[in-house]
């Protein structure tokens, strides 16, 4: 697991990584800003839209949305990673596994749907756990981290595995490597709440999962 992560970090200067890195960062920032603005407007509108109470409610909504956006970065990250997974995975394979044949796995539409369903599930669980993190901060933080670790690990691994095998084989590979996947996902989940390092997670995480897949299979 550690070897896969170090190899991914070592390739961060690859030109093929730059476009996904910059575009992913821009999409993450825009998504966070949109969430905060929407929550602030919604709370203010519910409070009446005018006067000091509505202004205070809108401000409170913005603060709560910031907190939510901090943890909801994980499903956002998974959605972003799915957009750039192919280019990053191909760059890793060209450099480290040049003998591999072209990928012919699960259809792109199936991959996209699988990623969207997983991201939606992680977002839903995160929203359910957010009140717990407010009432019991330590317990809530550990629970949110565990959900993020599993979501990031399994989401990214299935994405790279499905490039090269049918969905059922990719799922079998995920079960066989579950310990390593969760461990790597745990590290990435910790990084995902540290701005601005969290903007690296979609690219580094995808690259690391490619190594985890191929080095174990070798």
C-alpha atoms as a PDB file:
ATOM      1  CA  UNK A   1       0.000   0.000   0.000  1.00  0.00           C
ATOM      2  CA  UNK A   2       2.748   2.438   0.994  1.00  0.00           C
ATOM      3  CA  UNK A   3       4.761   1.541  -2.114  1.00  0.00           C
ATOM      4  CA  UNK A   4       1.759   2.303  -4.340  1.00  0.00           C
ATOM      5  CA  UNK A   5       1.272   5.685  -2.676  1.00  0.00           C
ATOM      6  CA  UNK A   6       4.963   6.626  -2.980  1.00  0.00           C
ATOM      7  CA  UNK A   7       5.026   5.677  -6.660  1.00  0.00           C
ATOM      8  CA  UNK A   8       1.957   7.838  -7.283  1.00  0.00           C
ATOM      9  CA  UNK A   9       3.503  10.820  -5.488  1.00  0.00           C
ATOM     10  CA  UNK A  10       6.716  10.344  -7.449  1.00  0.00           C
ATOM     11  CA  UNK A  11       4.830  10.840 -10.725  1.00  0.00           C
ATOM     12  CA  UNK A  12       3.049  14.040  -9.680  1.00  0.00           C
ATOM     13  CA  UNK A  13       5.198  16.082 -12.077  1.00  0.00           C
ATOM     14  CA  UNK A  14       4.048  14.064 -15.098  1.00  0.00           C
ATOM     15  CA  UNK A  15       2.504  16.409 -17.710  1.00  0.00           C
ATOM     16  CA  UNK A  16      -0.446  14.009 -18.017  1.00  0.00           C
ATOM     17  CA  UNK A  17      -1.273  14.736 -14.368  1.00  0.00           C
ATOM     18  CA  UNK A  18      -1.338  18.512 -14.684  1.00  0.00           C
ATOM     19  CA  UNK A  19      -4.602  19.004 -16.560  1.00  0.00           C
ATOM     20  CA  UNK A  20      -6.638  16.695 -14.266  1.00  0.00           C
ATOM     21  CA  UNK A  21      -4.994  18.333 -11.262  1.00  0.00           C
ATOM     22  CA  UNK A  22      -5.835  21.914 -12.245  1.00  0.00           C
ATOM     23  CA  UNK A  23      -9.294  21.148 -13.624  1.00  0.00           C
ATOM     24  CA  UNK A  24     -10.131  18.966 -10.631  1.00  0.00           C
ATOM     25  CA  UNK A  25      -9.060  21.719  -8.242  1.00  0.00           C
ATOM     26  CA  UNK A  26     -11.201  24.245 -10.102  1.00  0.00           C
ATOM     27  CA  UNK A  27     -14.253  21.969 -10.050  1.00  0.00           C
ATOM     28  CA  UNK A  28     -13.807  21.227  -6.334  1.00  0.00           C
ATOM     29  CA  UNK A  29     -13.574  24.916  -5.473  1.00  0.00           C
ATOM     30  CA  UNK A  30     -16.597  25.785  -7.607  1.00  0.00           C
ATOM     31  CA  UNK A  31     -18.582  22.950  -6.055  1.00  0.00           C
ATOM     32  CA  UNK A  32     -17.767  24.105  -2.536  1.00  0.00           C
ATOM     33  CA  UNK A  33     -18.646  27.716  -3.309  1.00  0.00           C
ATOM     34  CA  UNK A  34     -21.939  26.676  -4.900  1.00  0.00           C
ATOM     35  CA  UNK A  35     -22.884  24.572  -1.877  1.00  0.00           C
ATOM     36  CA  UNK A  36     -22.168  27.372   0.581  1.00  0.00           C
ATOM     37  CA  UNK A  37     -24.052  29.934  -1.508  1.00  0.00           C
ATOM     38  CA  UNK A  38     -27.069  27.649  -1.958  1.00  0.00           C
ATOM     39  CA  UNK A  39     -27.315  26.812   1.738  1.00  0.00           C
ATOM     40  CA  UNK A  40     -26.927  30.438   2.767  1.00  0.00           C
ATOM     41  CA  UNK A  41     -29.629  31.562   0.329  1.00  0.00           C
ATOM     42  CA  UNK A  42     -31.972  28.714   1.323  1.00  0.00           C
ATOM     43  CA  UNK A  43     -31.783  29.385   5.059  1.00  0.00           C
ATOM     44  CA  UNK A  44     -32.204  33.118   4.485  1.00  0.00           C
ATOM     45  CA  UNK A  45     -35.247  32.528   2.279  1.00  0.00           C
ATOM     46  CA  UNK A  46     -36.852  30.261   4.879  1.00  0.00           C
ATOM     47  CA  UNK A  47     -36.288  32.933   7.529  1.00  0.00           C
ATOM     48  CA  UNK A  48     -38.177  35.494   5.467  1.00  0.00           C
ATOM     49  CA  UNK A  49     -35.527  37.000   3.214  1.00  0.00           C
ATOM     50  CA  UNK A  50     -35.448  40.433   4.916  1.00  0.00           C
ATOM     51  CA  UNK A  51     -34.329  42.004   8.171  1.00  0.00           C
ATOM     52  CA  UNK A  52     -31.658  41.190  10.697  1.00  0.00           C
ATOM     53  CA  UNK A  53     -33.031  37.708  11.475  1.00  0.00           C
ATOM     54  CA  UNK A  54     -32.890  36.648   7.836  1.00  0.00           C
ATOM     55  CA  UNK A  55     -29.363  38.044   7.547  1.00  0.00           C
ATOM     56  CA  UNK A  56     -28.234  36.158  10.649  1.00  0.00           C
ATOM     57  CA  UNK A  57     -29.933  32.983   9.436  1.00  0.00           C
ATOM     58  CA  UNK A  58     -28.224  33.274   6.067  1.00  0.00           C
ATOM     59  CA  UNK A  59     -24.858  33.706   7.798  1.00  0.00           C
ATOM     60  CA  UNK A  60     -25.539  30.663   9.990  1.00  0.00           C
ATOM     61  CA  UNK A  61     -26.507  28.688   6.919  1.00  0.00           C
ATOM     62  CA  UNK A  62     -23.242  29.620   5.284  1.00  0.00           C
ATOM     63  CA  UNK A  63     -21.250  28.463   8.308  1.00  0.00           C
ATOM     64  CA  UNK A  64     -23.133  25.164   8.472  1.00  0.00           C
ATOM     65  CA  UNK A  65     -22.685  24.690   4.743  1.00  0.00           C
ATOM     66  CA  UNK A  66     -18.947  25.237   5.093  1.00  0.00           C
ATOM     67  CA  UNK A  67     -18.838  22.489   7.691  1.00  0.00           C
ATOM     68  CA  UNK A  68     -20.912  20.207   5.496  1.00  0.00           C
ATOM     69  CA  UNK A  69     -18.833  20.990   2.407  1.00  0.00           C
ATOM     70  CA  UNK A  70     -15.690  20.064   4.333  1.00  0.00           C
ATOM     71  CA  UNK A  71     -16.930  16.492   4.741  1.00  0.00           C
ATOM     72  CA  UNK A  72     -18.925  16.323   1.532  1.00  0.00           C
ATOM     73  CA  UNK A  73     -15.675  16.830  -0.373  1.00  0.00           C
ATOM     74  CA  UNK A  74     -15.334  13.044  -0.403  1.00  0.00           C
ATOM     75  CA  UNK A  75     -18.307  12.307  -2.700  1.00  0.00           C
ATOM     76  CA  UNK A  76     -17.364  15.387  -4.700  1.00  0.00           C
ATOM     77  CA  UNK A  77     -13.840  13.978  -4.969  1.00  0.00           C
ATOM     78  CA  UNK A  78     -15.171  10.656  -6.246  1.00  0.00           C
ATOM     79  CA  UNK A  79     -17.233  12.429  -8.892  1.00  0.00           C
ATOM     80  CA  UNK A  80     -14.230  14.506  -9.967  1.00  0.00           C
ATOM     81  CA  UNK A  81     -11.937  11.482 -10.068  1.00  0.00           C
ATOM     82  CA  UNK A  82     -14.320   9.654 -12.415  1.00  0.00           C
ATOM     83  CA  UNK A  83     -13.974  12.475 -14.942  1.00  0.00           C
ATOM     84  CA  UNK A  84     -10.173  12.230 -15.139  1.00  0.00           C
ATOM     85  CA  UNK A  85      -9.531   8.606 -14.201  1.00  0.00           C
ATOM     86  CA  UNK A  86      -8.765   7.395 -17.710  1.00  0.00           C
ATOM     87  CA  UNK A  87      -6.003   9.918 -18.437  1.00  0.00           C
ATOM     88  CA  UNK A  88      -4.269   9.453 -15.085  1.00  0.00           C
ATOM     89  CA  UNK A  89      -4.492   5.665 -15.175  1.00  0.00           C
ATOM     90  CA  UNK A  90      -3.177   5.561 -18.742  1.00  0.00           C
ATOM     91  CA  UNK A  91      -0.213   7.765 -17.801  1.00  0.00           C
ATOM     92  CA  UNK A  92       0.708   5.481 -14.897  1.00  0.00           C
ATOM     93  CA  UNK A  93       0.486   2.395 -17.085  1.00  0.00           C
ATOM     94  CA  UNK A  94       2.607   3.936 -19.846  1.00  0.00           C
ATOM     95  CA  UNK A  95       5.381   4.731 -17.378  1.00  0.00           C
ATOM     96  CA  UNK A  96       5.340   1.716 -15.080  1.00  0.00           C
ATOM     97  CA  UNK A  97       3.503  -1.079 -16.929  1.00  0.00           C
ATOM     98  CA  UNK A  98       4.228  -0.578 -20.647  1.00  0.00           C
ATOM     99  CA  UNK A  99       3.702  -4.283 -21.494  1.00  0.00           C
ATOM    100  CA  UNK A 100       0.003  -4.150 -20.636  1.00  0.00           C
ATOM    101  CA  UNK A 101      -2.452  -4.457 -23.565  1.00  0.00           C
ATOM    102  CA  UNK A 102      -4.981  -1.679 -24.205  1.00  0.00           C
ATOM    103  CA  UNK A 103      -7.734  -1.640 -21.586  1.00  0.00           C
ATOM    104  CA  UNK A 104     -10.985  -3.397 -22.506  1.00  0.00           C
ATOM    105  CA  UNK A 105     -13.106  -3.620 -19.387  1.00  0.00           C
ATOM    106  CA  UNK A 106     -16.498  -2.482 -18.228  1.00  0.00           C
ATOM    107  CA  UNK A 107     -18.255  -0.009 -20.592  1.00  0.00           C
ATOM    108  CA  UNK A 108     -17.678   3.648 -19.697  1.00  0.00           C
ATOM    109  CA  UNK A 109     -21.395   4.215 -19.076  1.00  0.00           C
ATOM    110  CA  UNK A 110     -21.471   1.407 -16.500  1.00  0.00           C
ATOM    111  CA  UNK A 111     -18.352   2.799 -14.819  1.00  0.00           C
ATOM    112  CA  UNK A 112     -19.874   6.272 -14.662  1.00  0.00           C
ATOM    113  CA  UNK A 113     -23.137   4.956 -13.206  1.00  0.00           C
ATOM    114  CA  UNK A 114     -21.301   2.869 -10.615  1.00  0.00           C
ATOM    115  CA  UNK A 115     -19.254   5.890  -9.561  1.00  0.00           C
ATOM    116  CA  UNK A 116     -22.333   8.119  -9.344  1.00  0.00           C
ATOM    117  CA  UNK A 117     -24.238   5.599  -7.206  1.00  0.00           C
ATOM    118  CA  UNK A 118     -21.304   5.215  -4.816  1.00  0.00           C
ATOM    119  CA  UNK A 119     -20.838   8.993  -4.539  1.00  0.00           C
ATOM    120  CA  UNK A 120     -24.554   9.427  -3.783  1.00  0.00           C
ATOM    121  CA  UNK A 121     -24.422   6.738  -1.091  1.00  0.00           C
ATOM    122  CA  UNK A 122     -21.369   8.311   0.563  1.00  0.00           C
ATOM    123  CA  UNK A 123     -23.012  11.755   0.448  1.00  0.00           C
ATOM    124  CA  UNK A 124     -26.176  10.383   2.062  1.00  0.00           C
ATOM    125  CA  UNK A 125     -24.301   8.595   4.853  1.00  0.00           C
ATOM    126  CA  UNK A 126     -22.166  11.684   5.460  1.00  0.00           C
ATOM    127  CA  UNK A 127     -25.240  13.900   5.808  1.00  0.00           C
ATOM    128  CA  UNK A 128     -26.737  11.440   8.285  1.00  0.00           C
ATOM    129  CA  UNK A 129     -23.530  11.434  10.356  1.00  0.00           C
ATOM    130  CA  UNK A 130     -23.072  15.221  10.405  1.00  0.00           C
ATOM    131  CA  UNK A 131     -25.443  15.768  13.384  1.00  0.00           C
ATOM    132  CA  UNK A 132     -23.496  13.115  15.297  1.00  0.00           C
ATOM    133  CA  UNK A 133     -20.275  15.018  14.679  1.00  0.00           C
ATOM    134  CA  UNK A 134     -21.874  18.131  16.183  1.00  0.00           C
ATOM    135  CA  UNK A 135     -23.172  16.304  19.290  1.00  0.00           C
ATOM    136  CA  UNK A 136     -20.162  14.005  19.791  1.00  0.00           C
ATOM    137  CA  UNK A 137     -17.263  15.578  17.884  1.00  0.00           C
ATOM    138  CA  UNK A 138     -14.683  12.808  18.408  1.00  0.00           C
ATOM    139  CA  UNK A 139     -17.068   9.943  17.688  1.00  0.00           C
ATOM    140  CA  UNK A 140     -18.538  11.777  14.722  1.00  0.00           C
ATOM    141  CA  UNK A 141     -15.117  12.606  13.287  1.00  0.00           C
ATOM    142  CA  UNK A 142     -13.993   8.971  13.490  1.00  0.00           C
ATOM    143  CA  UNK A 143     -17.235   7.784  11.892  1.00  0.00           C
ATOM    144  CA  UNK A 144     -16.954  10.328   9.071  1.00  0.00           C
ATOM    145  CA  UNK A 145     -13.310   9.375   8.502  1.00  0.00           C
ATOM    146  CA  UNK A 146     -14.195   5.674   8.318  1.00  0.00           C
ATOM    147  CA  UNK A 147     -16.942   6.336   5.774  1.00  0.00           C
ATOM    148  CA  UNK A 148     -14.568   8.514   3.748  1.00  0.00           C
ATOM    149  CA  UNK A 149     -11.821   5.867   3.880  1.00  0.00           C
ATOM    150  CA  UNK A 150     -14.097   3.141   2.562  1.00  0.00           C
ATOM    151  CA  UNK A 151     -15.710   5.417  -0.011  1.00  0.00           C
ATOM    152  CA  UNK A 152     -12.473   6.787  -1.441  1.00  0.00           C
ATOM    153  CA  UNK A 153     -10.669   3.449  -1.347  1.00  0.00           C
ATOM    154  CA  UNK A 154     -13.355   1.313  -2.937  1.00  0.00           C
ATOM    155  CA  UNK A 155     -14.537   4.016  -5.333  1.00  0.00           C
ATOM    156  CA  UNK A 156     -11.113   4.691  -6.810  1.00  0.00           C
ATOM    157  CA  UNK A 157     -10.081   1.034  -6.896  1.00  0.00           C
ATOM    158  CA  UNK A 158     -13.258  -0.078  -8.668  1.00  0.00           C
ATOM    159  CA  UNK A 159     -12.787   2.754 -11.146  1.00  0.00           C
ATOM    160  CA  UNK A 160      -9.315   1.655 -12.206  1.00  0.00           C
ATOM    161  CA  UNK A 161     -10.154  -2.072 -12.024  1.00  0.00           C
ATOM    162  CA  UNK A 162     -13.228  -1.737 -14.232  1.00  0.00           C
ATOM    163  CA  UNK A 163     -11.057  -0.247 -16.979  1.00  0.00           C
ATOM    164  CA  UNK A 164      -9.497  -3.672 -17.454  1.00  0.00           C
ATOM    165  CA  UNK A 165     -12.065  -6.237 -16.379  1.00  0.00           C
ATOM    166  CA  UNK A 166     -15.820  -6.805 -16.179  1.00  0.00           C
ATOM    167  CA  UNK A 167     -17.661  -5.376 -13.201  1.00  0.00           C
ATOM    168  CA  UNK A 168     -17.998  -8.738 -11.414  1.00  0.00           C
ATOM    169  CA  UNK A 169     -14.250  -9.445 -11.706  1.00  0.00           C
ATOM    170  CA  UNK A 170     -13.446  -5.924 -10.505  1.00  0.00           C
ATOM    171  CA  UNK A 171     -15.682  -6.487  -7.486  1.00  0.00           C
ATOM    172  CA  UNK A 172     -13.931  -9.798  -6.742  1.00  0.00           C
ATOM    173  CA  UNK A 173     -10.553  -8.046  -6.944  1.00  0.00           C
ATOM    174  CA  UNK A 174     -11.851  -5.392  -4.540  1.00  0.00           C
ATOM    175  CA  UNK A 175     -12.879  -8.028  -2.004  1.00  0.00           C
ATOM    176  CA  UNK A 176      -9.529  -9.802  -2.288  1.00  0.00           C
ATOM    177  CA  UNK A 177      -7.585  -6.573  -1.613  1.00  0.00           C
ATOM    178  CA  UNK A 178     -10.028  -5.006   0.840  1.00  0.00           C
ATOM    179  CA  UNK A 179      -7.488  -4.473   3.639  1.00  0.00           C
ATOM    180  CA  UNK A 180      -5.008  -2.618   1.416  1.00  0.00           C
ATOM    181  CA  UNK A 181      -7.777  -0.642  -0.269  1.00  0.00           C
ATOM    182  CA  UNK A 182      -9.220   0.545   3.033  1.00  0.00           C
ATOM    183  CA  UNK A 183      -5.756   1.366   4.392  1.00  0.00           C
ATOM    184  CA  UNK A 184      -4.919   3.468   1.345  1.00  0.00           C
ATOM    185  CA  UNK A 185      -8.382   5.011   1.462  1.00  0.00           C
ATOM    186  CA  UNK A 186      -7.790   5.916   5.115  1.00  0.00           C
ATOM    187  CA  UNK A 187      -4.645   7.856   4.247  1.00  0.00           C
ATOM    188  CA  UNK A 188      -6.387   9.611   1.368  1.00  0.00           C
ATOM    189  CA  UNK A 189      -9.378  10.410   3.606  1.00  0.00           C
ATOM    190  CA  UNK A 190      -7.082  12.151   6.097  1.00  0.00           C
ATOM    191  CA  UNK A 191      -5.514  14.187   3.294  1.00  0.00           C
ATOM    192  CA  UNK A 192      -8.967  15.015   1.888  1.00  0.00           C
ATOM    193  CA  UNK A 193      -9.771  17.241   4.888  1.00  0.00           C
ATOM    194  CA  UNK A 194      -6.499  19.189   4.693  1.00  0.00           C
ATOM    195  CA  UNK A 195      -6.824  22.133   2.316  1.00  0.00           C
ATOM    196  CA  UNK A 196      -5.245  22.621  -0.187  1.00  0.00           C
ATOM    197  CA  UNK A 197      -3.677  19.137  -0.157  1.00  0.00           C
ATOM    198  CA  UNK A 198      -7.132  17.636  -0.642  1.00  0.00           C
ATOM    199  CA  UNK A 199      -7.074  18.907  -4.226  1.00  0.00           C
ATOM    200  CA  UNK A 200      -4.337  16.335  -4.968  1.00  0.00           C
ATOM    201  CA  UNK A 201      -6.387  13.367  -3.798  1.00  0.00           C
ATOM    202  CA  UNK A 202      -8.278  12.539  -7.054  1.00  0.00           C
ATOM    203  CA  UNK A 203      -5.040  12.336  -9.064  1.00  0.00           C
ATOM    204  CA  UNK A 204      -2.765  10.776  -6.450  1.00  0.00           C
ATOM    205  CA  UNK A 205      -5.481   8.386  -5.310  1.00  0.00           C
ATOM    206  CA  UNK A 206      -6.231   7.182  -8.834  1.00  0.00           C
ATOM    207  CA  UNK A 207      -2.529   6.663  -9.600  1.00  0.00           C
ATOM    208  CA  UNK A 208      -1.961   4.789  -6.343  1.00  0.00           C
ATOM    209  CA  UNK A 209      -4.895   2.467  -7.009  1.00  0.00           C
ATOM    210  CA  UNK A 210      -3.478   1.615 -10.451  1.00  0.00           C
ATOM    211  CA  UNK A 211      -0.264   0.510  -8.739  1.00  0.00           C
ATOM    212  CA  UNK A 212      -2.198  -1.433  -6.126  1.00  0.00           C
ATOM    213  CA  UNK A 213      -4.091  -3.265  -8.854  1.00  0.00           C
ATOM    214  CA  UNK A 214      -1.143  -4.153 -11.101  1.00  0.00           C
ATOM    215  CA  UNK A 215       1.594  -4.797  -8.547  1.00  0.00           C
ATOM    216  CA  UNK A 216      -0.604  -7.241  -6.673  1.00  0.00           C
ATOM    217  CA  UNK A 217      -1.570  -8.928  -9.923  1.00  0.00           C
ATOM    218  CA  UNK A 218       2.050  -9.179 -11.111  1.00  0.00           C
END
